[in-house]
């Protein structure tokens, strides 16, 4: 069963708040919490991450999670 956008957002925000400001996590951590078959969820996780109050970074620089190529990190904005 595919998780809803709300379920994805809840997991993303839970991970971000567990880490706290200044700490980041890989979006795959959220996907892994949602399904054992997590890889197909990655586009949805990135799409939802773009709509919630999280900062996406790549090599320490802010990026758009929808257009960034390669691995990104997510965290609470400072």
PDB file of N, CA and C in Angstrom:
ATOM      1  N   UNK A   1       0.840  -1.186   0.000  1.00  0.00           N
ATOM      2  CA  UNK A   1       0.000   0.000   0.000  1.00  0.00           C
ATOM      3  C   UNK A   1       0.886   1.252   0.000  1.00  0.00           C
ATOM      4  N   UNK A   2       0.559   2.185  -0.856  1.00  0.00           N
ATOM      5  CA  UNK A   2       1.326   3.422  -0.963  1.00  0.00           C
ATOM      6  C   UNK A   2       0.898   4.385   0.151  1.00  0.00           C
ATOM      7  N   UNK A   3       1.851   4.941   0.890  1.00  0.00           N
ATOM      8  CA  UNK A   3       1.487   5.890   1.953  1.00  0.00           C
ATOM      9  C   UNK A   3       0.962   7.199   1.365  1.00  0.00           C
ATOM     10  N   UNK A   4       0.107   7.849   2.122  1.00  0.00           N
ATOM     11  CA  UNK A   4      -0.442   9.146   1.710  1.00  0.00           C
ATOM     12  C   UNK A   4       0.606  10.237   1.914  1.00  0.00           C
ATOM     13  N   UNK A   5       0.367  11.377   1.286  1.00  0.00           N
ATOM     14  CA  UNK A   5       1.264  12.526   1.475  1.00  0.00           C
ATOM     15  C   UNK A   5       1.325  12.922   2.939  1.00  0.00           C
ATOM     16  N   UNK A   6       0.206  12.819   3.637  1.00  0.00           N
ATOM     17  CA  UNK A   6       0.184  13.173   5.066  1.00  0.00           C
ATOM     18  C   UNK A   6       1.059  12.216   5.869  1.00  0.00           C
ATOM     19  N   UNK A   7       0.983  10.935   5.572  1.00  0.00           N
ATOM     20  CA  UNK A   7       1.830   9.964   6.269  1.00  0.00           C
ATOM     21  C   UNK A   7       3.308  10.248   6.009  1.00  0.00           C
ATOM     22  N   UNK A   8       3.634  10.560   4.768  1.00  0.00           N
ATOM     23  CA  UNK A   8       5.021  10.885   4.433  1.00  0.00           C
ATOM     24  C   UNK A   8       5.462  12.145   5.173  1.00  0.00           C
ATOM     25  N   UNK A   9       4.625  13.175   5.156  1.00  0.00           N
ATOM     26  CA  UNK A   9       4.954  14.430   5.844  1.00  0.00           C
ATOM     27  C   UNK A   9       5.140  14.203   7.339  1.00  0.00           C
ATOM     28  N   UNK A  10       4.275  13.392   7.933  1.00  0.00           N
ATOM     29  CA  UNK A  10       4.385  13.107   9.367  1.00  0.00           C
ATOM     30  C   UNK A  10       5.722  12.448   9.697  1.00  0.00           C
ATOM     31  N   UNK A  11       6.134  11.495   8.876  1.00  0.00           N
ATOM     32  CA  UNK A  11       7.410  10.808   9.119  1.00  0.00           C
ATOM     33  C   UNK A  11       8.579  11.768   8.909  1.00  0.00           C
ATOM     34  N   UNK A  12       8.530  12.574   7.855  1.00  0.00           N
ATOM     35  CA  UNK A  12       9.602  13.548   7.608  1.00  0.00           C
ATOM     36  C   UNK A  12       9.746  14.510   8.789  1.00  0.00           C
ATOM     37  N   UNK A  13       8.638  15.055   9.244  1.00  0.00           N
ATOM     38  CA  UNK A  13       8.693  16.015  10.346  1.00  0.00           C
ATOM     39  C   UNK A  13       9.110  15.348  11.652  1.00  0.00           C
ATOM     40  N   UNK A  14       8.680  14.110  11.873  1.00  0.00           N
ATOM     41  CA  UNK A  14       9.082  13.383  13.074  1.00  0.00           C
ATOM     42  C   UNK A  14      10.598  13.184  13.086  1.00  0.00           C
ATOM     43  N   UNK A  15      11.157  12.752  11.965  1.00  0.00           N
ATOM     44  CA  UNK A  15      12.606  12.575  11.887  1.00  0.00           C
ATOM     45  C   UNK A  15      13.338  13.897  12.114  1.00  0.00           C
ATOM     46  N   UNK A  16      12.838  14.958  11.503  1.00  0.00           N
ATOM     47  CA  UNK A  16      13.486  16.271  11.650  1.00  0.00           C
ATOM     48  C   UNK A  16      13.460  16.725  13.105  1.00  0.00           C
ATOM     49  N   UNK A  17      12.335  16.555  13.776  1.00  0.00           N
ATOM     50  CA  UNK A  17      12.231  17.001  15.168  1.00  0.00           C
ATOM     51  C   UNK A  17      13.050  16.100  16.099  1.00  0.00           C
ATOM     52  N   UNK A  18      13.155  14.823  15.775  1.00  0.00           N
ATOM     53  CA  UNK A  18      14.012  13.935  16.570  1.00  0.00           C
ATOM     54  C   UNK A  18      15.463  14.383  16.499  1.00  0.00           C
ATOM     55  N   UNK A  19      15.910  14.810  15.320  1.00  0.00           N
ATOM     56  CA  UNK A  19      17.297  15.248  15.145  1.00  0.00           C
ATOM     57  C   UNK A  19      17.527  16.628  15.732  1.00  0.00           C
ATOM     58  N   UNK A  20      16.559  17.526  15.540  1.00  0.00           N
ATOM     59  CA  UNK A  20      16.695  18.883  16.054  1.00  0.00           C
ATOM     60  C   UNK A  20      17.331  19.820  15.039  1.00  0.00           C
ATOM     61  N   UNK A  21      17.310  21.103  15.372  1.00  0.00           N
ATOM     62  CA  UNK A  21      17.869  22.140  14.496  1.00  0.00           C
ATOM     63  C   UNK A  21      19.367  21.924  14.329  1.00  0.00           C
ATOM     64  N   UNK A  22      19.838  22.088  13.116  1.00  0.00           N
ATOM     65  CA  UNK A  22      21.259  21.936  12.831  1.00  0.00           C
ATOM     66  C   UNK A  22      21.671  20.522  12.458  1.00  0.00           C
ATOM     67  N   UNK A  23      20.766  19.574  12.561  1.00  0.00           N
ATOM     68  CA  UNK A  23      21.053  18.181  12.203  1.00  0.00           C
ATOM     69  C   UNK A  23      20.190  17.798  11.006  1.00  0.00           C
ATOM     70  N   UNK A  24      20.685  16.888  10.185  1.00  0.00           N
ATOM     71  CA  UNK A  24      19.963  16.491   8.988  1.00  0.00           C
ATOM     72  C   UNK A  24      19.799  14.972   8.933  1.00  0.00           C
ATOM     73  N   UNK A  25      18.985  14.534   7.982  1.00  0.00           N
ATOM     74  CA  UNK A  25      18.788  13.110   7.749  1.00  0.00           C
ATOM     75  C   UNK A  25      18.581  12.876   6.256  1.00  0.00           C
ATOM     76  N   UNK A  26      18.805  11.667   5.846  1.00  0.00           N
ATOM     77  CA  UNK A  26      18.602  11.286   4.451  1.00  0.00           C
ATOM     78  C   UNK A  26      17.121  10.981   4.233  1.00  0.00           C
ATOM     79  N   UNK A  27      16.533  11.464   3.148  1.00  0.00           N
ATOM     80  CA  UNK A  27      15.129  11.166   2.870  1.00  0.00           C
ATOM     81  C   UNK A  27      14.836   9.665   2.817  1.00  0.00           C
ATOM     82  N   UNK A  28      15.834   8.859   2.510  1.00  0.00           N
ATOM     83  CA  UNK A  28      15.606   7.414   2.472  1.00  0.00           C
ATOM     84  C   UNK A  28      15.240   6.859   3.844  1.00  0.00           C
ATOM     85  N   UNK A  29      15.650   7.551   4.917  1.00  0.00           N
ATOM     86  CA  UNK A  29      15.266   7.113   6.258  1.00  0.00           C
ATOM     87  C   UNK A  29      13.752   7.157   6.414  1.00  0.00           C
ATOM     88  N   UNK A  30      13.128   8.188   5.872  1.00  0.00           N
ATOM     89  CA  UNK A  30      11.666   8.286   5.921  1.00  0.00           C
ATOM     90  C   UNK A  30      11.039   7.195   5.072  1.00  0.00           C
ATOM     91  N   UNK A  31      11.553   7.008   3.880  1.00  0.00           N
ATOM     92  CA  UNK A  31      11.014   5.971   2.993  1.00  0.00           C
ATOM     93  C   UNK A  31      11.121   4.594   3.635  1.00  0.00           C
ATOM     94  N   UNK A  32      12.235   4.331   4.310  1.00  0.00           N
ATOM     95  CA  UNK A  32      12.443   3.037   4.968  1.00  0.00           C
ATOM     96  C   UNK A  32      11.456   2.819   6.114  1.00  0.00           C
ATOM     97  N   UNK A  33      11.078   3.892   6.785  1.00  0.00           N
ATOM     98  CA  UNK A  33      10.082   3.773   7.859  1.00  0.00           C
ATOM     99  C   UNK A  33       8.698   3.447   7.305  1.00  0.00           C
ATOM    100  N   UNK A  34       8.469   3.850   6.073  1.00  0.00           N
ATOM    101  CA  UNK A  34       7.146   3.690   5.475  1.00  0.00           C
ATOM    102  C   UNK A  34       6.941   2.365   4.756  1.00  0.00           C
ATOM    103  N   UNK A  35       8.036   1.741   4.292  1.00  0.00           N
ATOM    104  CA  UNK A  35       7.887   0.510   3.526  1.00  0.00           C
ATOM    105  C   UNK A  35       9.201  -0.248   3.444  1.00  0.00           C
ATOM    106  N   UNK A  36       9.104  -1.569   3.434  1.00  0.00           N
ATOM    107  CA  UNK A  36      10.291  -2.383   3.193  1.00  0.00           C
ATOM    108  C   UNK A  36      10.763  -2.198   1.753  1.00  0.00           C
ATOM    109  N   UNK A  37       9.824  -1.957   0.862  1.00  0.00           N
ATOM    110  CA  UNK A  37      10.133  -1.680  -0.543  1.00  0.00           C
ATOM    111  C   UNK A  37      10.168  -0.163  -0.702  1.00  0.00           C
ATOM    112  N   UNK A  38      11.215   0.455  -0.162  1.00  0.00           N
ATOM    113  CA  UNK A  38      11.257   1.909   0.001  1.00  0.00           C
ATOM    114  C   UNK A  38      11.726   2.676  -1.227  1.00  0.00           C
ATOM    115  N   UNK A  39      12.516   2.088  -2.078  1.00  0.00           N
ATOM    116  CA  UNK A  39      13.087   2.835  -3.216  1.00  0.00           C
ATOM    117  C   UNK A  39      12.028   3.489  -4.108  1.00  0.00           C
ATOM    118  N   UNK A  40      10.930   2.804  -4.447  1.00  0.00           N
ATOM    119  CA  UNK A  40       9.918   3.456  -5.284  1.00  0.00           C
ATOM    120  C   UNK A  40       9.248   4.664  -4.618  1.00  0.00           C
ATOM    121  N   UNK A  41       9.394   4.782  -3.295  1.00  0.00           N
ATOM    122  CA  UNK A  41       8.788   5.913  -2.575  1.00  0.00           C
ATOM    123  C   UNK A  41       9.616   7.193  -2.642  1.00  0.00           C
ATOM    124  N   UNK A  42      10.866   7.094  -3.072  1.00  0.00           N
ATOM    125  CA  UNK A  42      11.754   8.259  -3.024  1.00  0.00           C
ATOM    126  C   UNK A  42      11.229   9.481  -3.785  1.00  0.00           C
ATOM    127  N   UNK A  43      10.673   9.353  -4.984  1.00  0.00           N
ATOM    128  CA  UNK A  43      10.132  10.554  -5.645  1.00  0.00           C
ATOM    129  C   UNK A  43       9.016  11.214  -4.828  1.00  0.00           C
ATOM    130  N   UNK A  44       8.152  10.417  -4.224  1.00  0.00           N
ATOM    131  CA  UNK A  44       7.066  10.974  -3.407  1.00  0.00           C
ATOM    132  C   UNK A  44       7.623  11.636  -2.148  1.00  0.00           C
ATOM    133  N   UNK A  45       8.640  11.031  -1.545  1.00  0.00           N
ATOM    134  CA  UNK A  45       9.255  11.613  -0.344  1.00  0.00           C
ATOM    135  C   UNK A  45       9.864  12.969  -0.679  1.00  0.00           C
ATOM    136  N   UNK A  46      10.565  13.075  -1.784  1.00  0.00           N
ATOM    137  CA  UNK A  46      11.157  14.364  -2.189  1.00  0.00           C
ATOM    138  C   UNK A  46      10.067  15.387  -2.505  1.00  0.00           C
ATOM    139  N   UNK A  47       8.996  14.934  -3.176  1.00  0.00           N
ATOM    140  CA  UNK A  47       7.904  15.853  -3.529  1.00  0.00           C
ATOM    141  C   UNK A  47       7.255  16.420  -2.258  1.00  0.00           C
ATOM    142  N   UNK A  48       6.978  15.548  -1.310  1.00  0.00           N
ATOM    143  CA  UNK A  48       6.356  16.001  -0.059  1.00  0.00           C
ATOM    144  C   UNK A  48       7.334  16.874   0.726  1.00  0.00           C
ATOM    145  N   UNK A  49       8.610  16.526   0.720  1.00  0.00           N
ATOM    146  CA  UNK A  49       9.613  17.325   1.439  1.00  0.00           C
ATOM    147  C   UNK A  49       9.642  18.762   0.929  1.00  0.00           C
ATOM    148  N   UNK A  50       9.360  18.952  -0.350  1.00  0.00           N
ATOM    149  CA  UNK A  50       9.346  20.303  -0.919  1.00  0.00           C
ATOM    150  C   UNK A  50       8.184  21.127  -0.396  1.00  0.00           C
ATOM    151  N   UNK A  51       7.152  20.451   0.123  1.00  0.00           N
ATOM    152  CA  UNK A  51       5.947  21.154   0.579  1.00  0.00           C
ATOM    153  C   UNK A  51       5.858  21.335   2.094  1.00  0.00           C
ATOM    154  N   UNK A  52       6.785  20.735   2.835  1.00  0.00           N
ATOM    155  CA  UNK A  52       6.756  20.898   4.293  1.00  0.00           C
ATOM    156  C   UNK A  52       7.891  21.815   4.724  1.00  0.00           C
ATOM    157  N   UNK A  53       7.866  22.223   5.963  1.00  0.00           N
ATOM    158  CA  UNK A  53       8.834  23.201   6.475  1.00  0.00           C
ATOM    159  C   UNK A  53      10.175  22.543   6.788  1.00  0.00           C
ATOM    160  N   UNK A  54      10.830  22.031   5.747  1.00  0.00           N
ATOM    161  CA  UNK A  54      12.151  21.449   5.898  1.00  0.00           C
ATOM    162  C   UNK A  54      13.107  22.100   4.919  1.00  0.00           C
ATOM    163  N   UNK A  55      14.372  22.091   5.277  1.00  0.00           N
ATOM    164  CA  UNK A  55      15.415  22.621   4.401  1.00  0.00           C
ATOM    165  C   UNK A  55      16.123  21.433   3.753  1.00  0.00           C
ATOM    166  N   UNK A  56      16.204  21.451   2.442  1.00  0.00           N
ATOM    167  CA  UNK A  56      16.940  20.424   1.713  1.00  0.00           C
ATOM    168  C   UNK A  56      18.322  20.962   1.385  1.00  0.00           C
ATOM    169  N   UNK A  57      19.346  20.145   1.606  1.00  0.00           N
ATOM    170  CA  UNK A  57      20.714  20.570   1.311  1.00  0.00           C
ATOM    171  C   UNK A  57      21.443  19.489   0.523  1.00  0.00           C
ATOM    172  N   UNK A  58      22.460  19.954  -0.176  1.00  0.00           N
ATOM    173  CA  UNK A  58      23.365  19.072  -0.900  1.00  0.00           C
ATOM    174  C   UNK A  58      24.752  19.685  -0.758  1.00  0.00           C
ATOM    175  N   UNK A  59      25.654  18.943  -0.163  1.00  0.00           N
ATOM    176  CA  UNK A  59      26.996  19.450   0.127  1.00  0.00           C
ATOM    177  C   UNK A  59      26.935  20.765   0.919  1.00  0.00           C
ATOM    178  N   UNK A  60      25.964  20.843   1.842  1.00  0.00           N
ATOM    179  CA  UNK A  60      25.844  21.999   2.724  1.00  0.00           C
ATOM    180  C   UNK A  60      25.116  23.192   2.153  1.00  0.00           C
ATOM    181  N   UNK A  61      24.729  23.149   0.893  1.00  0.00           N
ATOM    182  CA  UNK A  61      24.040  24.276   0.258  1.00  0.00           C
ATOM    183  C   UNK A  61      22.567  23.943   0.070  1.00  0.00           C
ATOM    184  N   UNK A  62      21.703  24.933   0.269  1.00  0.00           N
ATOM    185  CA  UNK A  62      20.272  24.738   0.103  1.00  0.00           C
ATOM    186  C   UNK A  62      19.944  24.431  -1.356  1.00  0.00           C
ATOM    187  N   UNK A  63      19.110  23.407  -1.556  1.00  0.00           N
ATOM    188  CA  UNK A  63      18.696  22.996  -2.891  1.00  0.00           C
ATOM    189  C   UNK A  63      17.194  22.733  -2.906  1.00  0.00           C
ATOM    190  N   UNK A  64      16.642  22.664  -4.098  1.00  0.00           N
ATOM    191  CA  UNK A  64      15.246  22.277  -4.270  1.00  0.00           C
ATOM    192  C   UNK A  64      15.208  20.750  -4.332  1.00  0.00           C
ATOM    193  N   UNK A  65      14.469  20.102  -3.421  1.00  0.00           N
ATOM    194  CA  UNK A  65      14.460  18.639  -3.411  1.00  0.00           C
ATOM    195  C   UNK A  65      13.855  18.031  -4.674  1.00  0.00           C
ATOM    196  N   UNK A  66      13.112  18.819  -5.426  1.00  0.00           N
ATOM    197  CA  UNK A  66      12.500  18.306  -6.654  1.00  0.00           C
ATOM    198  C   UNK A  66      13.458  18.296  -7.833  1.00  0.00           C
ATOM    199  N   UNK A  67      14.410  19.206  -7.839  1.00  0.00           N
ATOM    200  CA  UNK A  67      15.298  19.320  -8.993  1.00  0.00           C
ATOM    201  C   UNK A  67      16.734  18.896  -8.712  1.00  0.00           C
ATOM    202  N   UNK A  68      17.096  18.740  -7.458  1.00  0.00           N
ATOM    203  CA  UNK A  68      18.464  18.350  -7.112  1.00  0.00           C
ATOM    204  C   UNK A  68      18.754  16.944  -7.626  1.00  0.00           C
ATOM    205  N   UNK A  69      19.898  16.791  -8.232  1.00  0.00           N
ATOM    206  CA  UNK A  69      20.351  15.483  -8.706  1.00  0.00           C
ATOM    207  C   UNK A  69      21.267  14.881  -7.657  1.00  0.00           C
ATOM    208  N   UNK A  70      21.092  13.626  -7.377  1.00  0.00           N
ATOM    209  CA  UNK A  70      21.939  12.957  -6.399  1.00  0.00           C
ATOM    210  C   UNK A  70      21.384  13.069  -4.994  1.00  0.00           C
ATOM    211  N   UNK A  71      22.153  12.612  -4.018  1.00  0.00           N
ATOM    212  CA  UNK A  71      21.683  12.571  -2.638  1.00  0.00           C
ATOM    213  C   UNK A  71      21.495  13.958  -2.038  1.00  0.00           C
ATOM    214  N   UNK A  72      20.468  14.075  -1.230  1.00  0.00           N
ATOM    215  CA  UNK A  72      20.198  15.300  -0.483  1.00  0.00           C
ATOM    216  C   UNK A  72      20.035  14.944   0.984  1.00  0.00           C
ATOM    217  N   UNK A  73      20.039  15.959   1.810  1.00  0.00           N
ATOM    218  CA  UNK A  73      19.773  15.817   3.250  1.00  0.00           C
ATOM    219  C   UNK A  73      18.624  16.758   3.578  1.00  0.00           C
ATOM    220  N   UNK A  74      17.850  16.397   4.577  1.00  0.00           N
ATOM    221  CA  UNK A  74      16.730  17.220   5.026  1.00  0.00           C
ATOM    222  C   UNK A  74      16.896  17.544   6.487  1.00  0.00           C
ATOM    223  N   UNK A  75      16.422  18.726   6.876  1.00  0.00           N
ATOM    224  CA  UNK A  75      16.486  19.122   8.276  1.00  0.00           C
ATOM    225  C   UNK A  75      15.598  20.316   8.529  1.00  0.00           C
ATOM    226  N   UNK A  76      15.470  20.656   9.796  1.00  0.00           N
ATOM    227  CA  UNK A  76      14.688  21.839  10.172  1.00  0.00           C
ATOM    228  C   UNK A  76      15.457  23.095   9.777  1.00  0.00           C
ATOM    229  N   UNK A  77      14.756  24.090   9.305  1.00  0.00           N
ATOM    230  CA  UNK A  77      15.462  25.355   8.993  1.00  0.00           C
ATOM    231  C   UNK A  77      15.976  25.974  10.292  1.00  0.00           C
ATOM    232  N   UNK A  78      17.086  26.695  10.186  1.00  0.00           N
ATOM    233  CA  UNK A  78      17.657  27.323  11.394  1.00  0.00           C
ATOM    234  C   UNK A  78      16.998  28.636  11.688  1.00  0.00           C
TER     235      UNK A  78
END
